[in-house]
């Protein structure tokens, strides 16, 4: 029986996997977080991707979403009798999601990130670290670093981990990512967000966007200094229903601003790309509406963008 090891940890719980096969997300974190909601929302998002693909016909949907296999309950005696021994001693049955593992970056990309951004004093430690082999990149298009290796405020004692490594906009520039690729990332985010809003009817609260190697099955890819990779969307446990009215839009706007800074910020060049793609994808989703509902949803999609921009203006003033 293949043993499992932790590959991640969040508020909802820990994530486990072996070298091959699926990932298991355990409900052993904050009791206020719900894996049942995560599972249900995850499947709705997967279905919305399939729907958008059918609407698109000739154009691929770029975002990758892990396949979601099973919800394993703590009381599933048959499953736990066979599989509990795969976890370290002391672990007990709990609710759990079995899903496709997002593939981690390989050694060459890990070494690139370490050489470029890791403090010199701990580079060898990170290179030798087993946990840091589980390398995914959280893409922060809405933030630039306040501490850089060349700045006076940089501390050689700052923590560094390749697990969910936060890659900020200035670091993308430092890696010499081309302008075309820089703008491809917000296009993928915007397409995914519009899909979640206007097909799944979900507010996208606290979802995550990570860069990781491609899924072999389908979807788009980008090939640059980070190798051939895709953008993946995951973690749906805090997502909620979005009503198709102004209240629902307001809820989605709050979710946009309360999330980590994945999305580009209004007024920046990447925002214009995001804005344009969000509206374009929202208009594709109109094909699912009754004729009398189309103008209403068209209005609401623009209202979302307007309120995001208004929120930004309010914060700045």
Protein backbone atom coordinates (compact mmCIF):
# COMPACT_ATOMS: atom_id res chain seq x y z
CA UNK A 1 0.00 0.00 0.00
CA UNK A 2 1.56 3.32 -1.13
CA UNK A 3 2.16 5.74 1.74
CA UNK A 4 0.91 9.33 1.55
CA UNK A 5 2.75 12.50 2.56
CA UNK A 6 1.55 16.06 3.05
CA UNK A 7 1.86 18.30 0.00
CA UNK A 8 -0.01 21.29 1.38
CA UNK A 9 -1.84 22.81 4.32
CA UNK A 10 -4.64 25.36 4.45
CA UNK A 11 -7.41 26.63 6.70
CA UNK A 12 -9.71 23.81 5.62
CA UNK A 13 -7.19 21.07 6.29
CA UNK A 14 -4.16 19.18 5.03
CA UNK A 15 -3.56 17.82 1.52
CA UNK A 16 -1.89 14.45 0.98
CA UNK A 17 -0.55 12.51 -2.00
CA UNK A 18 1.97 9.89 -3.06
CA UNK A 19 4.42 10.31 -5.93
CA UNK A 20 1.69 9.20 -8.35
CA UNK A 21 -2.08 9.08 -8.17
CA UNK A 22 -4.68 11.45 -6.70
CA UNK A 23 -4.52 13.99 -3.89
CA UNK A 24 -6.55 13.74 -0.70
CA UNK A 25 -7.80 16.85 1.07
CA UNK A 26 -8.59 16.12 4.72
CA UNK A 27 -11.13 18.07 6.76
CA UNK A 28 -8.78 18.43 9.73
CA UNK A 29 -8.41 22.20 9.86
CA UNK A 30 -10.75 25.04 10.83
CA UNK A 31 -14.11 23.48 11.84
CA UNK A 32 -15.89 26.47 10.29
CA UNK A 33 -14.68 25.42 6.82
CA UNK A 34 -16.71 22.83 4.90
CA UNK A 35 -15.26 20.19 2.61
CA UNK A 36 -18.79 19.22 1.59
CA UNK A 37 -19.25 22.73 0.21
CA UNK A 38 -15.81 22.53 -1.42
CA UNK A 39 -16.78 19.28 -3.15
CA UNK A 40 -20.14 20.58 -4.38
CA UNK A 41 -18.75 23.90 -5.62
CA UNK A 42 -15.77 22.19 -7.24
CA UNK A 43 -18.07 19.98 -9.28
CA UNK A 44 -20.24 22.93 -10.31
CA UNK A 45 -17.14 24.76 -11.52
CA UNK A 46 -16.01 21.70 -13.47
CA UNK A 47 -19.43 21.51 -15.11
CA UNK A 48 -19.32 25.22 -15.95
CA UNK A 49 -16.00 24.65 -17.72
CA UNK A 50 -17.57 21.90 -19.80
CA UNK A 51 -20.45 24.21 -20.65
CA UNK A 52 -18.13 27.02 -21.71
CA UNK A 53 -16.19 24.58 -23.87
CA UNK A 54 -19.40 23.60 -25.65
CA UNK A 55 -20.29 27.27 -26.19
CA UNK A 56 -16.79 28.05 -27.48
CA UNK A 57 -16.69 25.11 -29.91
CA UNK A 58 -13.47 26.02 -31.73
CA UNK A 59 -11.62 27.79 -28.89
CA UNK A 60 -10.15 26.04 -25.86
CA UNK A 61 -10.97 27.06 -22.31
CA UNK A 62 -7.58 27.97 -20.88
CA UNK A 63 -8.03 27.47 -17.14
CA UNK A 64 -7.23 24.05 -15.68
CA UNK A 65 -9.34 22.62 -12.84
CA UNK A 66 -8.39 19.38 -11.07
CA UNK A 67 -10.79 16.51 -11.65
CA UNK A 68 -12.84 15.85 -8.51
CA UNK A 69 -13.29 12.12 -7.95
CA UNK A 70 -14.99 11.33 -4.63
CA UNK A 71 -16.19 12.66 -1.30
CA UNK A 72 -15.04 10.18 1.34
CA UNK A 73 -16.91 10.45 4.63
CA UNK A 74 -15.38 9.78 8.02
CA UNK A 75 -17.93 6.99 8.49
CA UNK A 76 -16.97 5.12 5.31
CA UNK A 77 -15.65 2.10 7.22
CA UNK A 78 -14.82 0.08 4.12
CA UNK A 79 -12.60 2.80 2.62
CA UNK A 80 -10.83 3.66 5.85
CA UNK A 81 -10.22 0.01 6.74
CA UNK A 82 -8.20 -0.30 3.55
CA UNK A 83 -6.56 3.13 3.39
CA UNK A 84 -6.02 4.52 6.91
CA UNK A 85 -2.61 2.84 7.09
CA UNK A 86 -1.46 5.03 4.20
CA UNK A 87 -1.44 8.00 6.60
CA UNK A 88 1.13 8.35 9.41
CA UNK A 89 0.32 6.75 12.74
CA UNK A 90 -2.07 8.80 14.87
CA UNK A 91 -4.28 10.00 12.02
CA UNK A 92 -7.96 9.14 12.28
CA UNK A 93 -10.78 8.98 9.72
CA UNK A 94 -12.31 12.30 8.70
CA UNK A 95 -14.24 13.74 5.77
CA UNK A 96 -12.00 13.95 2.73
CA UNK A 97 -12.01 14.86 -0.97
CA UNK A 98 -10.21 12.66 -3.48
CA UNK A 99 -9.19 14.74 -6.50
CA UNK A 100 -6.62 14.96 -9.25
CA UNK A 101 -3.26 16.15 -7.97
CA UNK A 102 -2.02 19.37 -9.51
CA UNK A 103 1.43 18.36 -10.82
CA UNK A 104 4.37 20.13 -9.13
CA UNK A 105 7.15 21.90 -11.02
CA UNK A 106 10.26 19.85 -11.73
CA UNK A 107 13.82 20.34 -10.55
CA UNK A 108 14.93 22.86 -13.19
CA UNK A 109 12.15 25.34 -12.36
CA UNK A 110 12.63 24.85 -8.62
CA UNK A 111 16.33 25.65 -9.02
CA UNK A 112 15.50 28.73 -11.10
CA UNK A 113 13.25 30.13 -8.37
CA UNK A 114 15.79 29.30 -5.67
CA UNK A 115 18.68 30.94 -7.52
CA UNK A 116 16.67 34.06 -8.36
CA UNK A 117 14.72 34.68 -5.15
CA UNK A 118 15.95 32.58 -2.22
CA UNK A 119 18.27 34.15 0.39
CA UNK A 120 21.80 32.87 -0.15
CA UNK A 121 22.08 31.55 3.40
CA UNK A 122 19.33 28.96 2.94
CA UNK A 123 19.62 28.08 -0.77
CA UNK A 124 21.22 24.69 -0.19
CA UNK A 125 18.70 23.88 2.54
CA UNK A 126 15.79 24.56 0.17
CA UNK A 127 17.44 22.59 -2.66
CA UNK A 128 17.70 19.57 -0.34
CA UNK A 129 14.26 20.03 1.23
CA UNK A 130 11.74 17.25 0.52
CA UNK A 131 8.67 19.45 1.19
CA UNK A 132 9.93 22.03 -1.32
CA UNK A 133 9.72 19.45 -4.09
CA UNK A 134 5.94 20.01 -3.97
CA UNK A 135 6.32 23.30 -5.84
CA UNK A 136 3.34 25.27 -7.09
CA UNK A 137 3.36 29.00 -7.88
CA UNK A 138 0.66 31.36 -6.63
CA UNK A 139 0.48 34.13 -9.21
CA UNK A 140 0.01 37.60 -7.67
CA UNK A 141 -0.73 39.94 -10.58
CA UNK A 142 -2.16 42.49 -8.14
CA UNK A 143 0.91 43.05 -6.01
CA UNK A 144 4.57 43.97 -6.27
CA UNK A 145 7.00 43.01 -3.52
CA UNK A 146 7.89 45.52 -0.83
CA UNK A 147 11.10 43.62 0.01
CA UNK A 148 13.54 42.64 -2.74
CA UNK A 149 17.04 41.20 -2.60
CA UNK A 150 18.47 44.59 -3.55
CA UNK A 151 16.39 46.70 -1.19
CA UNK A 152 17.63 48.04 2.14
CA UNK A 153 14.68 46.41 3.92
CA UNK A 154 15.43 42.90 2.62
CA UNK A 155 16.08 40.46 5.45
CA UNK A 156 18.12 37.32 4.95
CA UNK A 157 15.99 35.73 7.67
CA UNK A 158 12.73 35.97 5.71
CA UNK A 159 10.96 32.64 5.30
CA UNK A 160 11.17 30.94 1.92
CA UNK A 161 9.16 27.98 0.68
CA UNK A 162 8.40 26.62 -2.79
CA UNK A 163 5.07 25.26 -1.63
CA UNK A 164 2.53 27.72 -3.03
CA UNK A 165 5.38 30.11 -3.78
CA UNK A 166 3.99 33.66 -4.18
CA UNK A 167 5.27 35.09 -7.47
CA UNK A 168 4.58 38.82 -7.70
CA UNK A 169 4.29 41.00 -10.77
CA UNK A 170 7.78 42.49 -10.38
CA UNK A 171 9.23 38.97 -10.15
CA UNK A 172 7.59 38.05 -13.46
CA UNK A 173 9.38 41.05 -14.95
CA UNK A 174 12.64 40.01 -13.28
CA UNK A 175 12.27 36.59 -14.91
CA UNK A 176 11.98 38.37 -18.29
CA UNK A 177 8.51 37.00 -18.97
CA UNK A 178 7.46 38.52 -22.30
CA UNK A 179 4.71 41.12 -22.54
CA UNK A 180 2.57 38.67 -24.50
CA UNK A 181 2.80 36.07 -21.74
CA UNK A 182 2.27 38.68 -19.03
CA UNK A 183 -1.05 39.54 -20.63
CA UNK A 184 -2.01 35.92 -21.19
CA UNK A 185 -2.23 35.31 -17.44
CA UNK A 186 -4.97 37.91 -16.74
CA UNK A 187 -6.88 36.69 -19.80
CA UNK A 188 -7.04 33.20 -18.31
CA UNK A 189 -8.07 34.54 -14.89
CA UNK A 190 -10.78 36.74 -16.38
CA UNK A 191 -12.18 33.94 -18.51
CA UNK A 192 -12.33 31.68 -15.46
CA UNK A 193 -13.96 34.30 -13.25
CA UNK A 194 -16.63 35.16 -15.83
CA UNK A 195 -17.30 31.44 -16.29
CA UNK A 196 -17.79 30.95 -12.54
CA UNK A 197 -20.04 33.99 -12.21
CA UNK A 198 -22.30 33.62 -15.23
CA UNK A 199 -22.42 29.86 -15.81
CA UNK A 200 -21.87 28.31 -12.36
CA UNK A 201 -23.57 31.17 -10.49
CA UNK A 202 -20.82 31.19 -7.85
CA UNK A 203 -19.14 34.23 -6.23
CA UNK A 204 -15.57 32.76 -6.47
CA UNK A 205 -14.84 33.67 -2.86
CA UNK A 206 -11.28 32.72 -1.85
CA UNK A 207 -10.48 30.61 -4.92
CA UNK A 208 -6.79 30.22 -5.73
CA UNK A 209 -4.93 30.56 -9.02
CA UNK A 210 -1.65 28.68 -9.31
CA UNK A 211 0.83 28.00 -12.07
CA UNK A 212 1.83 24.36 -12.49
CA UNK A 213 2.79 21.95 -15.26
CA UNK A 214 0.09 21.15 -17.80
CA UNK A 215 -2.67 18.64 -17.59
CA UNK A 216 -2.08 16.18 -20.41
CA UNK A 217 -5.79 15.93 -21.17
CA UNK A 218 -6.84 19.36 -22.37
CA UNK A 219 -6.59 23.09 -21.87
CA UNK A 220 -4.14 25.77 -22.84
CA UNK A 221 -0.50 26.10 -22.00
CA UNK A 222 2.16 28.78 -21.82
CA UNK A 223 5.81 28.05 -22.58
CA UNK A 224 8.44 30.42 -21.21
CA UNK A 225 11.24 30.50 -18.64
CA UNK A 226 8.93 28.57 -16.26
CA UNK A 227 8.69 25.75 -18.79
CA UNK A 228 5.46 24.54 -20.33
CA UNK A 229 2.76 25.24 -17.76
CA UNK A 230 -0.87 26.13 -17.26
CA UNK A 231 -2.90 28.17 -14.82
CA UNK A 232 -4.95 26.06 -12.42
CA UNK A 233 -7.88 27.10 -10.22
CA UNK A 234 -8.58 25.33 -6.93
CA UNK A 235 -9.94 25.59 -3.37
CA UNK A 236 -13.69 26.24 -3.46
CA UNK A 237 -14.65 25.68 0.18
CA UNK A 238 -15.57 29.33 0.85
CA UNK A 239 -17.42 29.83 -2.43
CA UNK A 240 -21.11 30.72 -2.21
CA UNK A 241 -24.05 31.10 -4.53
CA UNK A 242 -24.26 34.30 -6.55
CA UNK A 243 -27.75 35.55 -7.27
CA UNK A 244 -28.33 37.01 -10.73
CA UNK A 245 -29.06 40.51 -9.49
CA UNK A 246 -27.25 43.54 -8.08
CA UNK A 247 -26.91 41.93 -4.65
CA UNK A 248 -25.15 38.97 -6.24
CA UNK A 249 -22.80 41.29 -8.10
CA UNK A 250 -22.01 43.11 -4.86
CA UNK A 251 -21.15 39.80 -3.22
CA UNK A 252 -18.83 38.89 -6.11
CA UNK A 253 -17.12 42.29 -5.92
CA UNK A 254 -16.39 41.78 -2.21
CA UNK A 255 -14.99 38.33 -3.00
CA UNK A 256 -12.72 39.87 -5.65
CA UNK A 257 -11.21 42.37 -3.23
CA UNK A 258 -11.05 40.11 -0.18
CA UNK A 259 -9.09 37.42 -1.99
CA UNK A 260 -5.32 37.27 -2.16
CA UNK A 261 -3.95 39.62 -4.87
CA UNK A 262 -4.24 37.17 -7.77
CA UNK A 263 -6.15 39.58 -9.99
CA UNK A 264 -4.57 42.66 -11.60
CA UNK A 265 -5.67 45.98 -10.12
CA UNK A 266 -7.73 48.64 -11.92
CA UNK A 267 -5.80 51.32 -13.72
CA UNK A 268 -2.90 49.07 -14.67
CA UNK A 269 -2.15 47.68 -18.13
CA UNK A 270 -2.93 44.12 -17.06
CA UNK A 271 -6.31 45.27 -15.74
CA UNK A 272 -7.38 46.46 -19.17
CA UNK A 273 -6.60 43.01 -20.54
CA UNK A 274 -8.52 41.38 -17.68
CA UNK A 275 -11.48 43.72 -18.12
CA UNK A 276 -11.73 43.11 -21.85
CA UNK A 277 -11.57 39.31 -21.50
CA UNK A 278 -14.07 39.23 -18.62
CA UNK A 279 -16.65 41.10 -20.69
CA UNK A 280 -15.93 39.02 -23.78
CA UNK A 281 -16.42 35.73 -21.91
CA UNK A 282 -19.49 37.07 -20.09
CA UNK A 283 -21.06 37.81 -23.46
CA UNK A 284 -20.40 34.24 -24.60
CA UNK A 285 -22.26 33.05 -21.49
CA UNK A 286 -25.34 35.04 -22.59
CA UNK A 287 -26.16 32.24 -25.01
CA UNK A 288 -27.40 30.25 -22.00
CA UNK A 289 -29.97 32.91 -21.07
CA UNK A 290 -33.52 33.33 -22.21
CA UNK A 291 -33.86 36.25 -24.60
CA UNK A 292 -35.55 38.41 -21.95
CA UNK A 293 -32.72 37.71 -19.47
CA UNK A 294 -29.83 38.52 -21.76
CA UNK A 295 -29.88 42.29 -21.39
CA UNK A 296 -30.15 41.95 -17.62
CA UNK A 297 -27.10 39.67 -17.45
CA UNK A 298 -25.19 41.85 -19.90
CA UNK A 299 -25.85 44.79 -17.59
CA UNK A 300 -24.80 42.81 -14.50
CA UNK A 301 -21.50 41.69 -16.02
CA UNK A 302 -20.58 45.32 -16.78
CA UNK A 303 -21.78 46.33 -13.33
CA UNK A 304 -19.31 43.89 -11.77
CA UNK A 305 -16.41 45.54 -13.59
CA UNK A 306 -17.68 49.04 -12.73
CA UNK A 307 -18.03 48.20 -9.05
CA UNK A 308 -14.57 46.63 -8.87
CA UNK A 309 -13.15 49.84 -10.34
CA UNK A 310 -15.26 52.01 -8.02
CA UNK A 311 -14.09 50.02 -4.98
CA UNK A 312 -10.49 50.64 -6.00
CA UNK A 313 -11.13 54.36 -6.37
CA UNK A 314 -12.84 54.50 -2.97
CA UNK A 315 -9.90 52.74 -1.28
CA UNK A 316 -7.38 55.11 -2.87
CA UNK A 317 -9.29 58.19 -1.70
